[in-house]
N, C-alpha and C. Protein backbone atom coordinates (compact mmCIF):
# COMPACT_ATOMS: atom_id res chain seq x y z
N MET A 1 78.07 104.80 139.40
CA MET A 1 77.46 104.16 138.23
C MET A 1 78.22 102.42 138.07
N THR A 2 77.03 101.75 138.16
CA THR A 2 77.66 100.07 137.38
C THR A 2 77.76 99.70 136.34
N SER A 3 79.04 99.33 136.14
CA SER A 3 79.78 98.87 135.37
C SER A 3 78.89 97.38 134.71
N THR A 4 78.57 97.23 133.06
CA THR A 4 78.21 95.61 133.27
C THR A 4 79.08 94.88 132.14
N THR A 5 79.96 95.27 132.04
CA THR A 5 81.15 94.91 131.13
C THR A 5 81.94 94.50 132.14
N PRO A 6 81.85 92.87 132.09
CA PRO A 6 82.88 91.81 132.96
C PRO A 6 84.12 91.97 133.16
N PRO A 7 84.71 91.95 134.27
CA PRO A 7 86.34 92.19 134.13
C PRO A 7 86.84 91.46 133.57
N VAL A 8 87.79 91.80 133.17
CA VAL A 8 88.64 90.93 132.16
C VAL A 8 89.86 90.18 133.32
N THR A 9 89.65 88.42 132.88
CA THR A 9 90.85 87.55 133.84
C THR A 9 91.82 87.19 133.20
N LEU A 10 92.46 86.89 133.80
CA LEU A 10 93.82 85.99 133.43
C LEU A 10 93.90 85.29 131.87
N ASP A 11 92.36 84.51 132.52
CA ASP A 11 91.73 83.44 131.77
C ASP A 11 91.57 84.08 130.61
N ASP A 12 91.25 85.98 130.60
CA ASP A 12 90.74 85.71 129.09
C ASP A 12 91.82 85.99 128.23
N VAL A 13 93.01 86.77 129.06
CA VAL A 13 93.81 87.55 128.18
C VAL A 13 95.07 85.90 127.87
N ARG A 14 95.31 84.92 128.59
CA ARG A 14 95.86 83.60 127.90
C ARG A 14 94.54 83.63 126.89
N SER A 15 93.61 83.01 126.76
CA SER A 15 92.68 82.83 125.67
C SER A 15 93.35 83.74 124.21
N ALA A 16 93.24 84.44 124.70
CA ALA A 16 93.40 86.29 123.37
C ALA A 16 94.92 85.56 122.87
N ALA A 17 95.73 85.50 123.73
CA ALA A 17 97.36 85.38 123.29
C ALA A 17 96.94 84.04 122.40
N ALA A 18 96.74 83.08 122.39
CA ALA A 18 96.12 82.16 122.20
C ALA A 18 95.80 82.34 120.31
N ARG A 19 94.97 82.97 120.82
CA ARG A 19 94.33 83.44 119.40
C ARG A 19 95.25 83.61 118.22
N ILE A 20 95.88 85.39 118.82
CA ILE A 20 96.83 85.22 117.99
C ILE A 20 97.99 84.94 117.50
N GLU A 21 98.55 83.99 118.63
CA GLU A 21 99.53 83.40 118.41
C GLU A 21 100.10 83.05 116.72
N GLY A 22 101.01 83.68 116.45
CA GLY A 22 101.00 83.14 114.95
C GLY A 22 100.79 83.94 114.02
N VAL A 23 99.72 85.44 114.32
CA VAL A 23 99.63 85.84 113.11
C VAL A 23 100.07 87.45 113.89
N ALA A 24 99.80 87.63 115.00
CA ALA A 24 100.44 89.50 115.43
C ALA A 24 101.94 89.06 116.12
N HIS A 25 102.63 90.15 115.76
CA HIS A 25 103.59 90.06 115.56
C HIS A 25 103.86 90.11 117.40
N ARG A 26 105.10 89.24 117.79
CA ARG A 26 105.78 90.11 119.46
C ARG A 26 106.62 90.56 119.34
N THR A 27 105.92 92.02 119.63
CA THR A 27 106.81 93.45 119.26
C THR A 27 107.94 93.35 120.82
N PRO A 28 108.65 94.20 120.51
CA PRO A 28 110.06 94.03 121.65
C PRO A 28 109.67 95.00 122.20
N VAL A 29 110.04 95.36 123.63
CA VAL A 29 109.94 96.63 124.50
C VAL A 29 111.45 97.04 124.68
N LEU A 30 111.71 98.22 124.51
CA LEU A 30 113.03 98.55 124.23
C LEU A 30 113.17 99.47 125.14
N ARG A 31 114.34 100.04 125.62
CA ARG A 31 114.70 100.78 126.86
C ARG A 31 115.82 101.83 126.42
N SER A 32 116.20 102.91 126.59
CA SER A 32 117.00 104.06 126.08
C SER A 32 117.59 104.92 127.63
N ARG A 33 119.09 104.24 128.02
CA ARG A 33 119.61 105.29 128.80
C ARG A 33 119.50 106.62 128.77
N THR A 34 119.69 107.16 127.42
CA THR A 34 119.58 108.75 127.25
C THR A 34 117.83 109.44 128.17
N LEU A 35 116.72 108.16 127.44
CA LEU A 35 115.73 108.82 127.58
C LEU A 35 115.56 109.04 129.28
N ASP A 36 115.99 107.27 129.81
CA ASP A 36 115.97 107.28 131.64
C ASP A 36 116.53 108.61 132.33
N ALA A 37 117.55 109.42 132.08
CA ALA A 37 118.16 110.15 132.19
C ALA A 37 117.61 111.16 132.02
N LEU A 38 116.83 111.69 130.97
CA LEU A 38 116.16 112.87 130.96
C LEU A 38 114.71 112.42 131.06
N VAL A 39 114.41 111.85 132.37
CA VAL A 39 113.11 111.90 132.77
C VAL A 39 113.75 111.51 134.53
N GLY A 40 114.52 110.81 134.59
CA GLY A 40 114.81 110.59 135.96
C GLY A 40 114.11 109.13 135.84
N ALA A 41 113.75 108.40 135.40
CA ALA A 41 112.91 106.97 135.73
C ALA A 41 113.14 105.91 134.62
N GLU A 42 113.10 105.10 135.00
CA GLU A 42 113.11 103.79 134.05
C GLU A 42 111.94 103.66 133.04
N VAL A 43 112.12 103.90 131.74
CA VAL A 43 111.35 103.87 130.35
C VAL A 43 111.89 103.01 129.70
N HIS A 44 110.55 102.00 129.86
CA HIS A 44 110.09 101.01 128.69
C HIS A 44 109.35 101.17 127.49
N LEU A 45 109.91 101.19 126.29
CA LEU A 45 109.32 101.82 125.64
C LEU A 45 108.37 100.39 124.39
N LYS A 46 107.10 100.47 124.33
CA LYS A 46 106.78 99.53 123.55
C LYS A 46 106.87 99.51 122.06
N CYS A 47 107.20 98.79 120.96
CA CYS A 47 107.47 99.09 119.46
C CYS A 47 106.74 98.74 118.84
N GLU A 48 105.15 99.17 119.16
CA GLU A 48 103.98 98.92 118.71
C GLU A 48 104.03 99.24 117.06
N ASN A 49 105.06 100.51 116.60
CA ASN A 49 105.22 100.54 115.26
C ASN A 49 105.49 99.39 114.44
N LEU A 50 105.94 98.27 115.19
CA LEU A 50 106.64 96.97 114.44
C LEU A 50 105.10 96.17 114.16
N GLN A 51 104.59 96.30 115.04
CA GLN A 51 102.84 95.47 114.68
C GLN A 51 102.76 95.50 113.71
N ARG A 52 102.00 94.52 112.92
CA ARG A 52 101.17 94.52 111.46
C ARG A 52 100.45 95.74 111.29
N VAL A 53 99.79 96.13 110.68
CA VAL A 53 99.62 97.63 110.98
C VAL A 53 100.38 99.26 110.79
N GLY A 54 101.03 98.56 111.63
CA GLY A 54 102.02 99.46 112.34
C GLY A 54 101.43 99.98 114.00
N ALA A 55 99.97 99.20 114.39
CA ALA A 55 99.73 99.38 115.25
C ALA A 55 99.47 98.29 115.75
N PHE A 56 99.15 98.27 117.45
CA PHE A 56 98.77 97.56 118.21
C PHE A 56 97.34 96.84 118.14
N LYS A 57 96.11 97.49 117.42
CA LYS A 57 94.66 97.24 117.30
C LYS A 57 95.11 96.46 116.21
N PHE A 58 95.94 95.82 115.69
CA PHE A 58 95.83 94.31 115.00
C PHE A 58 95.46 93.26 115.61
N ARG A 59 96.23 93.63 117.11
CA ARG A 59 95.44 92.26 118.18
C ARG A 59 94.03 91.94 118.68
N GLY A 60 93.58 93.85 118.79
CA GLY A 60 92.23 92.95 119.36
C GLY A 60 91.50 93.00 118.15
N ALA A 61 91.56 93.74 116.82
CA ALA A 61 90.73 93.39 115.15
C ALA A 61 90.81 91.66 115.40
N TYR A 62 91.81 91.19 115.35
CA TYR A 62 92.14 89.75 115.60
C TYR A 62 91.25 88.93 115.90
N ASN A 63 91.50 89.28 117.68
CA ASN A 63 90.95 88.62 118.70
C ASN A 63 89.84 88.64 118.44
N ALA A 64 89.02 90.01 118.57
CA ALA A 64 87.15 89.92 118.27
C ALA A 64 86.90 89.17 116.89
N ALA A 65 86.99 89.55 115.66
CA ALA A 65 87.07 88.55 114.80
C ALA A 65 87.06 87.04 114.73
N SER A 66 88.48 86.66 115.52
CA SER A 66 88.34 84.95 115.61
C SER A 66 87.16 84.33 116.08
N ARG A 67 86.87 85.30 117.28
CA ARG A 67 85.81 84.45 117.90
C ARG A 67 84.82 84.42 117.50
N LEU A 68 83.97 85.50 116.17
CA LEU A 68 83.18 84.91 115.53
C LEU A 68 82.38 83.56 115.51
N ALA A 69 81.55 83.28 115.33
CA ALA A 69 80.61 82.13 114.68
C ALA A 69 81.31 81.87 113.41
N PRO A 70 81.55 80.70 112.77
CA PRO A 70 81.77 80.32 111.46
C PRO A 70 80.29 81.21 110.35
N GLU A 71 79.49 81.28 110.87
CA GLU A 71 78.40 81.88 109.69
C GLU A 71 78.34 83.36 110.34
N GLN A 72 79.17 83.58 111.29
CA GLN A 72 78.62 85.35 111.19
C GLN A 72 80.03 85.49 110.65
N LEU A 73 81.16 85.35 110.97
CA LEU A 73 82.48 85.42 109.92
C LEU A 73 82.74 85.49 108.33
N ALA A 74 81.29 84.23 108.05
CA ALA A 74 81.34 84.11 106.61
C ALA A 74 80.62 85.43 105.82
N ARG A 75 79.66 86.45 107.38
CA ARG A 75 79.30 87.05 106.53
C ARG A 75 80.18 88.80 106.36
N GLY A 76 80.95 88.64 106.44
CA GLY A 76 82.19 89.89 106.41
C GLY A 76 82.38 90.55 107.68
N LEU A 77 83.19 91.39 108.20
CA LEU A 77 83.30 92.37 108.77
C LEU A 77 82.59 93.80 108.66
N ALA A 78 82.26 94.59 109.66
CA ALA A 78 82.29 95.97 108.93
C ALA A 78 82.36 96.52 110.47
N ALA A 79 83.17 97.80 110.12
CA ALA A 79 83.45 99.24 110.72
C ALA A 79 83.26 100.37 110.47
N TYR A 80 84.04 101.29 111.32
CA TYR A 80 83.68 102.91 111.02
C TYR A 80 85.21 103.02 111.67
N SER A 81 86.07 103.72 110.75
CA SER A 81 87.25 104.15 111.53
C SER A 81 88.34 104.64 109.77
N SER A 82 89.08 105.61 110.63
CA SER A 82 89.93 106.50 109.73
C SER A 82 91.36 106.18 109.62
N GLY A 83 92.17 105.08 110.65
CA GLY A 83 92.53 105.26 110.48
C GLY A 83 93.07 103.77 110.63
N ASN A 84 93.94 103.39 112.13
CA ASN A 84 94.68 102.32 111.87
C ASN A 84 93.90 101.11 112.78
N HIS A 85 92.51 101.38 113.08
CA HIS A 85 91.85 100.31 113.58
C HIS A 85 91.55 99.88 111.94
N ALA A 86 90.84 100.79 111.12
CA ALA A 86 89.94 100.30 109.64
C ALA A 86 91.28 99.06 109.02
N GLN A 87 92.58 99.28 109.21
CA GLN A 87 93.96 99.00 108.75
C GLN A 87 93.43 97.49 109.39
N ALA A 88 92.96 97.71 110.49
CA ALA A 88 93.61 96.30 111.50
C ALA A 88 92.41 95.18 111.21
N VAL A 89 91.11 96.07 111.32
CA VAL A 89 90.21 95.42 110.47
C VAL A 89 90.09 94.92 109.28
N ALA A 90 90.56 95.40 108.41
CA ALA A 90 90.51 94.97 106.76
C ALA A 90 91.82 93.52 106.90
N LEU A 91 92.74 93.72 107.65
CA LEU A 91 94.05 92.74 107.89
C LEU A 91 93.26 91.12 108.55
N ALA A 92 92.37 91.92 109.65
CA ALA A 92 92.11 90.48 110.76
C ALA A 92 90.97 89.68 109.43
N ALA A 93 90.06 90.91 108.51
CA ALA A 93 89.29 89.77 107.83
C ALA A 93 89.95 89.36 106.94
N ARG A 94 91.25 89.71 106.08
CA ARG A 94 91.79 88.86 104.85
C ARG A 94 92.57 87.72 105.57
N GLU A 95 92.79 87.91 106.68
CA GLU A 95 93.64 86.64 107.06
C GLU A 95 92.03 85.57 107.56
N LEU A 96 91.27 86.10 108.09
CA LEU A 96 90.35 84.73 108.46
C LEU A 96 89.40 84.32 107.36
N GLY A 97 90.07 85.16 105.86
CA GLY A 97 88.91 84.70 104.35
C GLY A 97 88.03 85.12 104.60
N THR A 98 87.65 86.02 104.96
CA THR A 98 86.09 86.93 105.14
C THR A 98 86.51 88.51 104.15
N THR A 99 85.23 89.07 104.06
CA THR A 99 85.48 89.97 103.54
C THR A 99 84.96 91.69 104.61
N ALA A 100 85.71 92.37 104.47
CA ALA A 100 85.32 94.02 105.17
C ALA A 100 84.74 94.67 104.27
N VAL A 101 84.24 96.08 104.84
CA VAL A 101 83.75 97.46 104.52
C VAL A 101 84.19 98.07 105.91
N ILE A 102 84.81 98.82 105.20
CA ILE A 102 85.18 100.14 106.49
C ILE A 102 84.55 101.29 105.96
N VAL A 103 83.82 102.10 106.75
CA VAL A 103 83.18 103.74 107.07
C VAL A 103 84.28 104.36 107.00
N MET A 104 84.83 105.46 106.04
CA MET A 104 85.67 106.13 105.97
C MET A 104 85.45 107.39 105.64
N PRO A 105 85.90 108.57 106.93
CA PRO A 105 85.46 109.82 106.12
C PRO A 105 86.09 110.35 104.62
N GLU A 106 85.43 111.13 104.33
CA GLU A 106 86.06 111.47 102.66
C GLU A 106 87.12 112.01 102.85
N ASP A 107 87.75 112.56 103.86
CA ASP A 107 88.87 113.74 104.58
C ASP A 107 89.89 112.97 104.66
N ALA A 108 89.71 111.28 104.87
CA ALA A 108 90.98 110.41 105.91
C ALA A 108 92.17 110.64 104.84
N PRO A 109 93.11 110.41 105.85
CA PRO A 109 94.65 110.91 104.95
C PRO A 109 94.62 109.41 103.85
N PRO A 110 94.78 110.16 102.18
CA PRO A 110 95.06 109.00 101.39
C PRO A 110 96.03 107.44 101.88
N SER A 111 96.70 108.09 102.95
CA SER A 111 97.99 106.43 103.14
C SER A 111 97.19 105.65 103.85
N LYS A 112 95.74 106.38 104.84
CA LYS A 112 95.01 104.86 105.63
C LYS A 112 94.10 104.42 104.57
N ARG A 113 93.42 105.78 103.26
CA ARG A 113 92.44 104.68 102.54
C ARG A 113 93.05 103.43 101.66
N ASP A 114 94.52 103.82 100.91
CA ASP A 114 95.30 103.34 100.46
C ASP A 114 95.75 101.55 101.25
N ALA A 115 96.13 102.25 102.42
CA ALA A 115 96.49 100.88 103.00
C ALA A 115 94.83 99.70 103.61
N THR A 116 93.90 100.77 103.54
CA THR A 116 93.21 100.03 104.00
C THR A 116 92.67 99.24 103.08
N ALA A 117 92.32 99.85 101.66
CA ALA A 117 92.05 98.99 100.64
C ALA A 117 93.33 97.90 100.05
N GLY A 118 94.91 98.14 100.46
CA GLY A 118 95.67 97.04 99.80
C GLY A 118 95.44 96.05 100.65
N TYR A 119 94.50 95.42 102.19
CA TYR A 119 94.61 94.99 103.00
C TYR A 119 93.24 94.33 102.33
N GLY A 120 92.26 94.64 101.31
CA GLY A 120 91.42 93.98 100.91
C GLY A 120 89.82 94.19 100.77
N ALA A 121 89.86 95.29 102.13
CA ALA A 121 88.56 95.47 102.35
C ALA A 121 87.76 96.98 102.00
N GLU A 122 86.83 96.87 101.43
CA GLU A 122 85.54 98.07 100.62
C GLU A 122 85.62 98.88 101.71
N ILE A 123 86.04 100.28 100.86
CA ILE A 123 85.77 101.20 101.72
C ILE A 123 84.44 102.37 100.86
N VAL A 124 83.93 102.61 102.43
CA VAL A 124 82.29 103.43 101.85
C VAL A 124 83.08 104.78 102.95
N THR A 125 82.97 105.92 101.99
CA THR A 125 83.13 106.71 102.61
C THR A 125 81.98 107.54 102.68
N TYR A 126 81.96 108.27 103.96
CA TYR A 126 81.16 109.58 104.41
C TYR A 126 81.72 111.14 104.43
N ASP A 127 80.70 111.93 104.60
CA ASP A 127 80.84 113.50 105.36
C ASP A 127 80.67 113.32 106.31
N ARG A 128 82.24 113.58 107.12
CA ARG A 128 82.53 113.41 108.87
C ARG A 128 81.26 114.74 109.49
N TYR A 129 80.86 115.88 108.51
CA TYR A 129 80.37 116.68 108.83
C TYR A 129 78.84 116.61 108.99
N THR A 130 78.06 116.04 107.89
CA THR A 130 76.89 115.95 107.78
C THR A 130 76.53 114.32 107.99
N GLY A 131 77.24 113.35 108.05
CA GLY A 131 76.99 111.72 108.22
C GLY A 131 77.29 111.63 109.13
N ASP A 132 76.48 110.23 109.77
CA ASP A 132 76.78 109.56 110.71
C ASP A 132 77.38 108.24 110.52
N ARG A 133 78.48 108.13 110.67
CA ARG A 133 79.82 107.06 110.60
C ARG A 133 78.81 105.73 111.31
N ALA A 134 78.21 105.64 111.95
CA ALA A 134 77.89 104.85 112.99
C ALA A 134 76.63 104.08 112.61
N ALA A 135 75.57 105.08 111.75
CA ALA A 135 74.49 104.43 111.19
C ALA A 135 75.15 103.89 110.19
N ILE A 136 75.42 104.81 109.30
CA ILE A 136 76.15 104.15 107.56
C ILE A 136 76.31 102.47 108.27
N ALA A 137 77.36 102.33 109.07
CA ALA A 137 77.77 100.87 109.56
C ALA A 137 76.96 100.06 109.56
N GLU A 138 76.37 101.08 110.69
CA GLU A 138 74.92 99.82 111.24
C GLU A 138 74.35 99.48 109.82
N ALA A 139 74.16 99.90 109.02
CA ALA A 139 72.81 99.67 108.13
C ALA A 139 74.11 98.67 107.35
N LEU A 140 75.08 98.55 106.47
CA LEU A 140 75.86 98.09 105.98
C LEU A 140 76.08 96.39 106.54
N ALA A 141 76.16 96.89 107.91
CA ALA A 141 76.20 95.47 108.68
C ALA A 141 74.92 94.81 108.83
């Protein structure tokens, strides 16, 4: 099977780092001697719980959205998610001065819905057992 996705280059990584500089948090990498001893190896813990929205997904959402042309960004962002990605897209939209519509299942955790709405996104709910989130999001987009 042949992939049609080009490989990520070092320049791609550097460009993304420049785009998110000052917007995303630089999260620490921590060590634990106790954990190292338990597993018999060095363990490095990347503390993404300290990232904005509490997850690494903010970096990707902001990086992707910030690459849109101004006329695309002006139309807003649309995504489907029941959790961290929803919050990341909502916050990226707010930081970039645009709107976000997030398609979420009706039974998504209230804390995730509240956080996503708190970042300013409009939430459109659907029944995960009968609805097609991709089709709903595409129609909204």
